[in-house]
Amino acid sequence: MEESARLRVECYAGSRADERPLRFVLSNRRVEVIEVLDRWMGPDHRYFKIRGDDGDVYILRHDTAADAWALTMFARAGALLAPDPGRRSGTR
């Protein structure tokens, strides 16, 4: 398990170390990875866009040289799709 100040990530270690995140703890809140939505590689980092058991979406970045994890993006479940409660249909 790797740690930073507020983030600990536990990974599945398949054919290579830290193949994909299984769960992480962020500020004492444990999140199970339900689905890996996307993954990609940069020159020195690997990125995982995941959906947690809380329904939220996260992007976790793994610095392969330093073997350190960081949270680079967070979106609440439905946050982008929720209608504006102050706006009525057909009005400007």
Protein backbone atom coordinates (compact mmCIF):
# COMPACT_ATOMS: atom_id res chain seq x y z
CA MET A 1 0.00 0.00 0.00
CA GLU A 2 1.40 3.41 -1.00
CA GLU A 3 0.75 6.60 0.93
CA SER A 4 0.86 10.34 0.58
CA ALA A 5 -0.20 12.83 3.26
CA ARG A 6 -3.93 12.20 2.80
CA LEU A 7 -4.18 9.38 0.26
CA ARG A 8 -3.45 5.67 0.62
CA VAL A 9 -4.02 3.35 -2.34
CA GLU A 10 -4.21 -0.44 -2.29
CA CYS A 11 -3.62 -2.08 -5.66
CA TYR A 12 -4.05 -5.38 -7.42
CA ALA A 13 -0.57 -6.62 -8.32
CA GLY A 14 -0.98 -8.85 -11.34
CA SER A 15 1.77 -9.34 -13.88
CA ARG A 16 3.34 -6.06 -12.71
CA ALA A 17 3.31 -4.17 -9.44
CA ASP A 18 0.39 -1.81 -8.78
CA GLU A 19 -1.49 -2.93 -11.88
CA ARG A 20 -4.75 -1.20 -10.88
CA PRO A 21 -6.27 0.36 -7.75
CA LEU A 22 -8.66 -1.79 -5.69
CA ARG A 23 -9.47 0.72 -2.94
CA PHE A 24 -8.14 3.89 -1.41
CA VAL A 25 -8.44 5.90 1.77
CA LEU A 26 -8.79 9.64 1.44
CA SER A 27 -8.86 11.68 4.66
CA ASN A 28 -10.01 8.66 6.72
CA ARG A 29 -12.76 7.77 4.19
CA ARG A 30 -12.41 4.36 2.53
CA VAL A 31 -13.55 4.03 -1.09
CA GLU A 32 -13.78 0.69 -2.89
CA VAL A 33 -13.11 0.80 -6.64
CA ILE A 34 -16.22 -0.50 -8.38
CA GLU A 35 -15.10 0.15 -11.96
CA VAL A 36 -12.02 1.35 -13.83
CA LEU A 37 -13.58 3.70 -16.40
CA ASP A 38 -10.35 4.54 -18.20
CA ARG A 39 -6.59 4.29 -17.83
CA TRP A 40 -3.70 5.91 -19.65
CA MET A 41 0.01 6.48 -19.36
CA GLY A 42 2.11 9.62 -19.40
CA PRO A 43 5.92 9.81 -19.52
CA ASP A 44 6.35 9.30 -15.76
CA HIS A 45 2.81 8.66 -14.54
CA ARG A 46 -0.05 6.22 -14.91
CA TYR A 47 -3.62 7.50 -14.57
CA PHE A 48 -6.77 5.65 -13.54
CA LYS A 49 -10.26 7.11 -13.91
CA ILE A 50 -12.37 5.10 -11.50
CA ARG A 51 -15.87 4.95 -10.05
CA GLY A 52 -16.01 4.39 -6.31
CA ASP A 53 -18.61 2.53 -4.28
CA ASP A 54 -19.95 5.98 -3.33
CA GLY A 55 -20.85 6.56 -7.02
CA ASP A 56 -18.31 9.38 -7.34
CA VAL A 57 -15.66 9.51 -10.09
CA TYR A 58 -11.97 9.98 -9.32
CA ILE A 59 -8.74 10.22 -11.30
CA LEU A 60 -5.78 8.76 -9.44
CA ARG A 61 -2.24 9.41 -10.68
CA HIS A 62 0.60 7.03 -9.91
CA ASP A 63 4.10 8.54 -10.11
CA THR A 64 6.02 5.43 -11.13
CA ALA A 65 9.48 6.84 -10.38
CA ALA A 66 8.59 8.00 -6.85
CA ASP A 67 6.01 5.22 -6.35
CA ALA A 68 3.56 7.83 -5.02
CA TRP A 69 -0.16 8.37 -5.60
CA ALA A 70 -2.16 11.60 -5.97
CA LEU A 71 -5.83 12.45 -6.49
CA THR A 72 -5.99 14.68 -9.57
CA MET A 73 -9.77 14.90 -10.17
CA PHE A 74 -12.99 14.29 -8.25
CA ALA A 75 -16.61 14.58 -9.38
CA ARG A 76 -19.67 13.79 -7.28
CA ALA A 77 -22.12 11.29 -8.69
CA GLY A 78 -24.57 13.12 -10.96
CA ALA A 79 -22.97 16.52 -10.29
CA LEU A 80 -22.66 17.32 -13.99
CA LEU A 81 -26.16 16.06 -14.82
CA ALA A 82 -28.13 17.58 -11.95
CA PRO A 83 -30.60 20.25 -13.10
CA ASP A 84 -30.41 23.75 -11.67
CA PRO A 85 -33.18 23.83 -9.02
CA GLY A 86 -33.63 27.60 -9.46
CA ARG A 87 -34.35 27.36 -13.16
CA ARG A 88 -37.75 26.33 -14.49
CA SER A 89 -38.22 24.69 -17.85
CA GLY A 90 -39.01 27.17 -20.62
CA THR A 91 -37.73 30.24 -18.74
CA ARG A 92 -34.55 32.21 -19.25
